[in-house]
């Protein structure tokens, strides 16, 4: 007797399980595989100022900062560079540009200067002080000994490059020679960090998908001939299952802060709650749908805020929003499985 092919619904659930399982390890894949090439470049004092200012946190490229500022608004800086100081009102355009410069040195018009700026409370009045200084003094004061640097920095200086994700960029000195350690590709660090953040955010999403797939497969296995597989009561089991799956995944594969045992399961709960919304939408119970949506969002935000404090209050809504967006997939499954199953399925 020929074996029958899996039904469309079974294939769809297996596909959801596969996608969810893959996403469940997104953080591990991105964090484990992330790497950036850092290079070490020997420089003499006064050479490669653009490279030095990009890598050393204690010196700012003032030319680059002022690139988008009109010449007339740069006059206070030009005055300070020429006379040593400026004390008067600043145009808001310039005030915004220089307000956050906290480095003790700046590079401006082919020279290094010591730099201080002090503003007067609730006004645009400010005092700018700039004193020309020789590059040797700047390099001596800014550089750090290679012997005290992390191993990745020492490797970069010894071999010309080093592989890592968070190598300490900066100016280093060894035996009278200065080296600038910086990422080979300026955008690589941000790209890798964005990838890791995406993996961090998608991991609980995947676990929510796994819980929905496993729960629906369990329902189909227990009652393969049932016409309407999901009701609201049955659908509410899936978010609870998502919390359990996320807790197990966090406990087995992750370590670190206990907040992960709150944020991950909470996000997975919201994702899987999409199935409840799908069932309610199928049944046209709009008031209940609105209440469940708002209640889930508020509950999740409160849980994340309780775990993370003020940071949770800021990022909690963003996490919940992402969970709602990715919960569209379980919403579709909830809507689909809340209707009668055709004989062909």
Protein backbone atom coordinates (compact mmCIF):
# COMPACT_ATOMS: atom_id res chain seq x y z
CA UNK A 1 0.00 0.00 0.00
CA UNK A 2 1.60 3.33 -1.05
CA UNK A 3 2.59 5.74 1.69
CA UNK A 4 0.60 8.98 1.75
CA UNK A 5 2.40 12.29 1.48
CA UNK A 6 2.37 14.69 4.45
CA UNK A 7 -0.53 17.13 4.43
CA UNK A 8 -0.02 20.80 3.55
CA UNK A 9 -0.54 21.79 7.17
CA UNK A 10 2.01 19.28 8.42
CA UNK A 11 4.59 20.50 5.92
CA UNK A 12 3.88 24.12 6.96
CA UNK A 13 4.40 23.24 10.62
CA UNK A 14 7.62 21.37 9.90
CA UNK A 15 8.85 24.37 7.94
CA UNK A 16 8.01 26.67 10.87
CA UNK A 17 9.87 24.31 13.20
CA UNK A 18 12.92 24.39 10.91
CA UNK A 19 12.92 28.19 10.68
CA UNK A 20 12.36 28.55 14.41
CA UNK A 21 15.13 26.10 15.24
CA UNK A 22 17.55 28.00 13.02
CA UNK A 23 16.67 31.37 14.52
CA UNK A 24 16.94 29.93 18.03
CA UNK A 25 20.71 29.85 17.58
CA UNK A 26 21.02 33.16 15.71
CA UNK A 27 22.80 34.84 18.61
CA UNK A 28 25.33 32.02 18.94
CA UNK A 29 26.00 32.06 15.21
CA UNK A 30 26.55 35.82 15.04
CA UNK A 31 28.48 36.19 18.29
CA UNK A 32 30.67 33.16 17.64
CA UNK A 33 31.49 34.03 14.04
CA UNK A 34 31.94 37.78 14.40
CA UNK A 35 35.45 39.04 13.66
CA UNK A 36 37.08 42.23 12.42
CA UNK A 37 40.59 42.71 11.07
CA UNK A 38 42.59 45.35 12.94
CA UNK A 39 45.85 46.71 11.54
CA UNK A 40 48.82 48.39 13.23
CA UNK A 41 50.41 51.30 11.35
CA UNK A 42 53.70 52.85 12.43
CA UNK A 43 53.42 56.66 12.48
CA UNK A 44 55.72 59.56 13.26
CA UNK A 45 54.42 62.49 15.33
CA UNK A 46 52.50 64.74 13.00
CA UNK A 47 51.91 62.05 10.37
CA UNK A 48 48.52 60.59 9.40
CA UNK A 49 46.48 62.93 11.61
CA UNK A 50 43.22 61.63 10.11
CA UNK A 51 44.14 58.07 11.15
CA UNK A 52 45.24 59.20 14.61
CA UNK A 53 42.09 61.22 15.27
CA UNK A 54 39.84 58.35 14.15
CA UNK A 55 41.56 55.89 16.46
CA UNK A 56 42.59 57.88 19.54
CA UNK A 57 39.68 58.99 21.70
CA UNK A 58 41.63 61.88 23.26
CA UNK A 59 42.10 63.88 20.07
CA UNK A 60 39.37 65.19 17.76
CA UNK A 61 39.57 66.14 14.08
CA UNK A 62 38.08 69.61 14.37
CA UNK A 63 38.27 70.14 10.61
CA UNK A 64 35.97 67.16 10.10
CA UNK A 65 33.61 68.34 12.83
CA UNK A 66 33.28 71.77 11.23
CA UNK A 67 32.98 70.49 7.67
CA UNK A 68 29.24 71.13 7.56
CA UNK A 69 29.39 74.48 9.38
CA UNK A 70 29.33 77.71 7.40
CA UNK A 71 32.48 79.85 7.41
CA UNK A 72 30.84 82.74 9.24
CA UNK A 73 29.82 80.47 12.10
CA UNK A 74 33.36 79.09 12.42
CA UNK A 75 34.74 82.51 13.37
CA UNK A 76 34.88 81.80 17.15
CA UNK A 77 37.06 78.75 16.54
CA UNK A 78 39.31 80.69 14.18
CA UNK A 79 39.65 83.43 16.77
CA UNK A 80 40.55 80.95 19.51
CA UNK A 81 43.14 79.29 17.25
CA UNK A 82 44.70 82.66 16.41
CA UNK A 83 44.60 84.36 19.81
CA UNK A 84 44.35 81.46 22.25
CA UNK A 85 40.78 82.03 23.40
CA UNK A 86 37.30 83.20 22.51
CA UNK A 87 34.61 84.16 24.99
CA UNK A 88 31.26 85.31 23.70
CA UNK A 89 27.98 84.07 22.27
CA UNK A 90 28.05 81.16 19.79
CA UNK A 91 25.67 80.60 16.94
CA UNK A 92 23.47 77.55 17.70
CA UNK A 93 24.89 75.79 14.64
CA UNK A 94 28.43 75.93 16.07
CA UNK A 95 27.32 75.37 19.64
CA UNK A 96 25.76 72.03 18.71
CA UNK A 97 28.86 70.91 16.79
CA UNK A 98 31.46 71.58 19.49
CA UNK A 99 29.37 71.08 22.63
CA UNK A 100 30.26 67.39 23.01
CA UNK A 101 34.00 67.66 22.22
CA UNK A 102 35.59 66.47 25.46
CA UNK A 103 39.03 65.47 24.17
CA UNK A 104 42.00 67.50 25.50
CA UNK A 105 43.46 67.88 22.00
CA UNK A 106 42.15 68.78 18.55
CA UNK A 107 43.64 68.71 15.07
CA UNK A 108 42.81 71.93 13.23
CA UNK A 109 44.26 73.52 10.09
CA UNK A 110 47.34 71.27 9.98
CA UNK A 111 48.22 71.73 13.66
CA UNK A 112 47.52 70.17 17.03
CA UNK A 113 45.99 72.32 19.77
CA UNK A 114 45.09 71.80 23.39
CA UNK A 115 41.34 72.26 23.67
CA UNK A 116 38.86 73.26 26.31
CA UNK A 117 35.36 74.62 25.92
CA UNK A 118 33.08 75.73 28.73
CA UNK A 119 29.51 76.85 28.24
CA UNK A 120 27.37 79.05 30.43
CA UNK A 121 24.18 77.44 31.72
CA UNK A 122 21.07 77.89 29.59
CA UNK A 123 22.80 80.30 27.17
CA UNK A 124 24.86 80.02 24.00
CA UNK A 125 27.74 81.91 25.65
CA UNK A 126 30.94 79.90 25.77
CA UNK A 127 34.66 80.15 26.33
CA UNK A 128 36.93 78.32 23.89
CA UNK A 129 40.64 77.96 24.63
CA UNK A 130 43.10 76.65 22.05
CA UNK A 131 46.87 76.55 22.44
CA UNK A 132 49.16 75.24 19.67
CA UNK A 133 51.19 72.24 20.78
CA UNK A 134 53.85 70.20 19.08
CA UNK A 135 52.98 66.70 17.77
CA UNK A 136 55.68 65.05 19.91
CA UNK A 137 53.98 66.20 23.09
CA UNK A 138 50.58 65.07 21.82
CA UNK A 139 51.85 61.61 20.90
CA UNK A 140 53.71 61.24 24.17
CA UNK A 141 50.64 62.17 26.21
CA UNK A 142 48.12 60.19 24.16
CA UNK A 143 50.00 56.94 23.57
CA UNK A 144 49.81 53.88 25.76
CA UNK A 145 52.67 51.41 26.31
CA UNK A 146 52.36 48.31 24.14
CA UNK A 147 53.51 46.19 27.10
CA UNK A 148 50.35 47.18 29.01
CA UNK A 149 48.01 46.69 26.03
CA UNK A 150 45.67 43.71 25.54
CA UNK A 151 47.04 40.68 23.71
CA UNK A 152 45.11 41.49 20.52
CA UNK A 153 46.84 44.88 20.32
CA UNK A 154 50.25 43.32 20.89
CA UNK A 155 49.52 40.76 18.17
CA UNK A 156 48.55 43.52 15.73
CA UNK A 157 51.75 45.45 16.42
CA UNK A 158 53.94 42.35 16.23
CA UNK A 159 52.42 40.86 13.08
CA UNK A 160 50.83 43.88 11.43
CA UNK A 161 47.26 42.80 12.03
CA UNK A 162 45.00 41.04 14.50
CA UNK A 163 41.57 39.44 14.32
CA UNK A 164 38.94 40.24 16.92
CA UNK A 165 35.65 41.95 17.52
CA UNK A 166 36.48 44.54 20.16
CA UNK A 167 40.22 45.23 19.87
CA UNK A 168 41.13 48.50 21.63
CA UNK A 169 41.82 51.03 18.91
CA UNK A 170 44.25 53.78 19.80
CA UNK A 171 47.79 55.13 19.72
CA UNK A 172 50.47 52.89 21.25
CA UNK A 173 54.18 53.31 21.83
CA UNK A 174 56.98 50.76 21.93
CA UNK A 175 60.74 51.44 21.98
CA UNK A 176 60.25 54.98 20.74
CA UNK A 177 58.00 53.95 17.84
CA UNK A 178 54.34 54.91 17.70
CA UNK A 179 51.62 52.67 16.25
CA UNK A 180 48.00 53.37 15.42
CA UNK A 181 45.80 50.30 15.89
CA UNK A 182 42.50 50.62 14.04
CA UNK A 183 39.99 48.45 12.16
CA UNK A 184 40.99 47.79 8.56
CA UNK A 185 37.43 48.62 7.51
CA UNK A 186 35.84 51.45 9.49
CA UNK A 187 32.32 50.11 9.02
CA UNK A 188 33.16 46.51 9.89
CA UNK A 189 32.78 46.95 13.65
CA UNK A 190 29.34 48.51 13.36
CA UNK A 191 28.30 45.80 10.90
CA UNK A 192 29.41 43.02 13.23
CA UNK A 193 27.78 44.63 16.27
CA UNK A 194 24.55 45.10 14.32
CA UNK A 195 24.71 41.43 13.31
CA UNK A 196 25.17 40.34 16.93
CA UNK A 197 22.30 42.55 18.07
CA UNK A 198 20.07 41.08 15.35
CA UNK A 199 21.02 37.57 16.49
CA UNK A 200 20.28 38.53 20.10
CA UNK A 201 16.85 39.84 19.12
CA UNK A 202 15.93 36.95 16.79
CA UNK A 203 16.89 34.12 19.15
CA UNK A 204 13.72 34.38 21.32
CA UNK A 205 11.69 34.89 18.13
CA UNK A 206 12.92 31.53 16.90
CA UNK A 207 12.02 29.89 20.19
CA UNK A 208 8.54 31.34 19.94
CA UNK A 209 8.22 29.80 16.48
CA UNK A 210 9.47 26.44 17.78
CA UNK A 211 6.86 26.46 20.54
CA UNK A 212 4.04 27.25 18.08
CA UNK A 213 5.18 24.50 15.70
CA UNK A 214 5.57 21.91 18.45
CA UNK A 215 2.24 22.79 20.04
CA UNK A 216 0.31 22.59 16.78
CA UNK A 217 2.06 19.37 15.77
CA UNK A 218 1.11 17.93 19.16
CA UNK A 219 -2.52 18.91 18.64
CA UNK A 220 -2.53 17.34 15.17
CA UNK A 221 -0.94 14.16 16.45
CA UNK A 222 -3.50 13.80 19.26
CA UNK A 223 -6.52 14.63 17.10
CA UNK A 224 -5.59 14.19 13.41
CA UNK A 225 -9.22 14.25 12.27
CA UNK A 226 -10.32 17.35 14.17
CA UNK A 227 -11.85 19.90 11.77
CA UNK A 228 -10.98 23.02 13.74
CA UNK A 229 -7.62 22.51 15.42
CA UNK A 230 -7.39 25.79 17.32
CA UNK A 231 -9.76 27.54 19.68
CA UNK A 232 -8.87 30.50 21.86
CA UNK A 233 -8.37 28.23 24.86
CA UNK A 234 -6.12 25.88 22.92
CA UNK A 235 -4.16 28.80 21.45
CA UNK A 236 -3.37 30.24 24.89
CA UNK A 237 -1.31 27.11 25.62
CA UNK A 238 1.21 28.09 22.93
CA UNK A 239 2.56 31.31 24.56
CA UNK A 240 2.98 29.38 27.81
CA UNK A 241 4.85 26.69 25.90
CA UNK A 242 7.03 29.42 24.35
CA UNK A 243 8.06 30.60 27.81
CA UNK A 244 9.07 27.03 28.73
CA UNK A 245 11.01 26.53 25.48
CA UNK A 246 12.82 29.86 25.92
CA UNK A 247 13.70 29.11 29.55
CA UNK A 248 15.11 25.72 28.60
CA UNK A 249 17.07 27.20 25.71
CA UNK A 250 18.47 29.97 27.90
CA UNK A 251 19.44 27.53 30.63
CA UNK A 252 21.11 25.05 28.28
CA UNK A 253 22.86 27.27 25.76
CA UNK A 254 23.40 30.67 27.35
CA UNK A 255 25.08 32.05 30.41
CA UNK A 256 25.55 35.43 32.01
CA UNK A 257 23.01 37.84 33.42
CA UNK A 258 19.82 36.45 34.87
CA UNK A 259 17.96 39.14 32.93
CA UNK A 260 18.22 36.84 29.91
CA UNK A 261 15.83 34.52 31.75
CA UNK A 262 13.29 37.35 31.66
CA UNK A 263 13.85 39.16 28.35
CA UNK A 264 14.13 36.04 26.18
CA UNK A 265 11.06 34.19 27.46
CA UNK A 266 9.05 37.43 27.51
CA UNK A 267 9.85 38.11 23.85
CA UNK A 268 9.06 34.48 22.92
CA UNK A 269 5.76 34.78 24.80
CA UNK A 270 4.73 37.86 22.79
CA UNK A 271 5.74 36.20 19.51
CA UNK A 272 3.74 33.04 20.24
CA UNK A 273 0.79 35.11 21.44
CA UNK A 274 0.31 35.95 17.77
CA UNK A 275 -1.54 32.63 17.45
CA UNK A 276 -4.14 33.81 19.98
CA UNK A 277 -4.55 37.03 18.00
CA UNK A 278 -4.95 35.00 14.82
CA UNK A 279 -7.73 32.88 16.32
CA UNK A 280 -9.54 35.94 17.68
CA UNK A 281 -9.23 37.65 14.31
CA UNK A 282 -10.63 34.59 12.55
CA UNK A 283 -13.56 34.60 14.97
CA UNK A 284 -14.01 38.38 14.47
CA UNK A 285 -13.82 39.02 18.19
CA UNK A 286 -12.31 42.47 17.73
CA UNK A 287 -12.78 43.76 21.27
CA UNK A 288 -11.03 40.72 22.68
CA UNK A 289 -8.30 41.06 20.04
CA UNK A 290 -7.62 44.65 21.09
CA UNK A 291 -7.61 43.74 24.77
CA UNK A 292 -5.24 40.80 24.30
CA UNK A 293 -2.88 42.88 22.16
CA UNK A 294 -2.70 45.78 24.61
CA UNK A 295 -2.55 43.51 27.64
CA UNK A 296 0.27 41.44 26.16
CA UNK A 297 2.27 44.54 25.31
CA UNK A 298 1.83 46.11 28.74
CA UNK A 299 2.63 42.86 30.56
CA UNK A 300 5.75 42.25 28.49
CA UNK A 301 7.01 45.81 28.89
CA UNK A 302 6.45 45.65 32.64
CA UNK A 303 8.38 42.37 32.90
CA UNK A 304 11.32 43.71 30.92
CA UNK A 305 11.35 46.95 32.90
CA UNK A 306 11.31 45.03 36.17
CA UNK A 307 14.32 43.02 34.98
CA UNK A 308 16.38 45.83 33.43
CA UNK A 309 15.21 48.93 35.32
CA UNK A 310 15.32 52.24 33.46
CA UNK A 311 17.05 50.60 30.49
CA UNK A 312 14.10 48.24 30.21
CA UNK A 313 11.69 51.14 30.21
CA UNK A 314 13.58 52.59 27.24
CA UNK A 315 14.24 49.42 25.24
CA UNK A 316 11.31 47.32 26.45
CA UNK A 317 8.81 48.87 24.03
CA UNK A 318 11.26 48.31 21.16
CA UNK A 319 11.63 44.63 22.09
CA UNK A 320 7.86 44.26 22.35
CA UNK A 321 7.36 45.99 18.99
CA UNK A 322 9.83 43.62 17.31
CA UNK A 323 8.05 40.68 18.92
CA UNK A 324 4.69 41.91 17.64
CA UNK A 325 6.11 42.32 14.13
CA UNK A 326 7.68 38.85 14.06
CA UNK A 327 4.51 37.49 15.69
CA UNK A 328 2.75 38.04 12.36
CA UNK A 329 3.90 34.55 11.37
CA UNK A 330 2.22 32.81 14.35
CA UNK A 331 -0.77 35.12 13.74
CA UNK A 332 -1.09 33.61 10.27
CA UNK A 333 -0.88 30.08 11.65
CA UNK A 334 -3.45 30.90 14.30
CA UNK A 335 -5.84 32.32 11.71
CA UNK A 336 -5.30 29.32 9.41
CA UNK A 337 -5.69 26.62 12.07
CA UNK A 338 -8.77 28.29 13.57
CA UNK A 339 -10.78 27.49 10.45
CA UNK A 340 -12.10 24.14 9.39
CA UNK A 341 -9.55 21.84 7.86
CA UNK A 342 -10.49 20.81 4.30
CA UNK A 343 -10.32 17.14 3.59
CA UNK A 344 -7.41 17.75 1.23
CA UNK A 345 -5.34 19.16 4.04
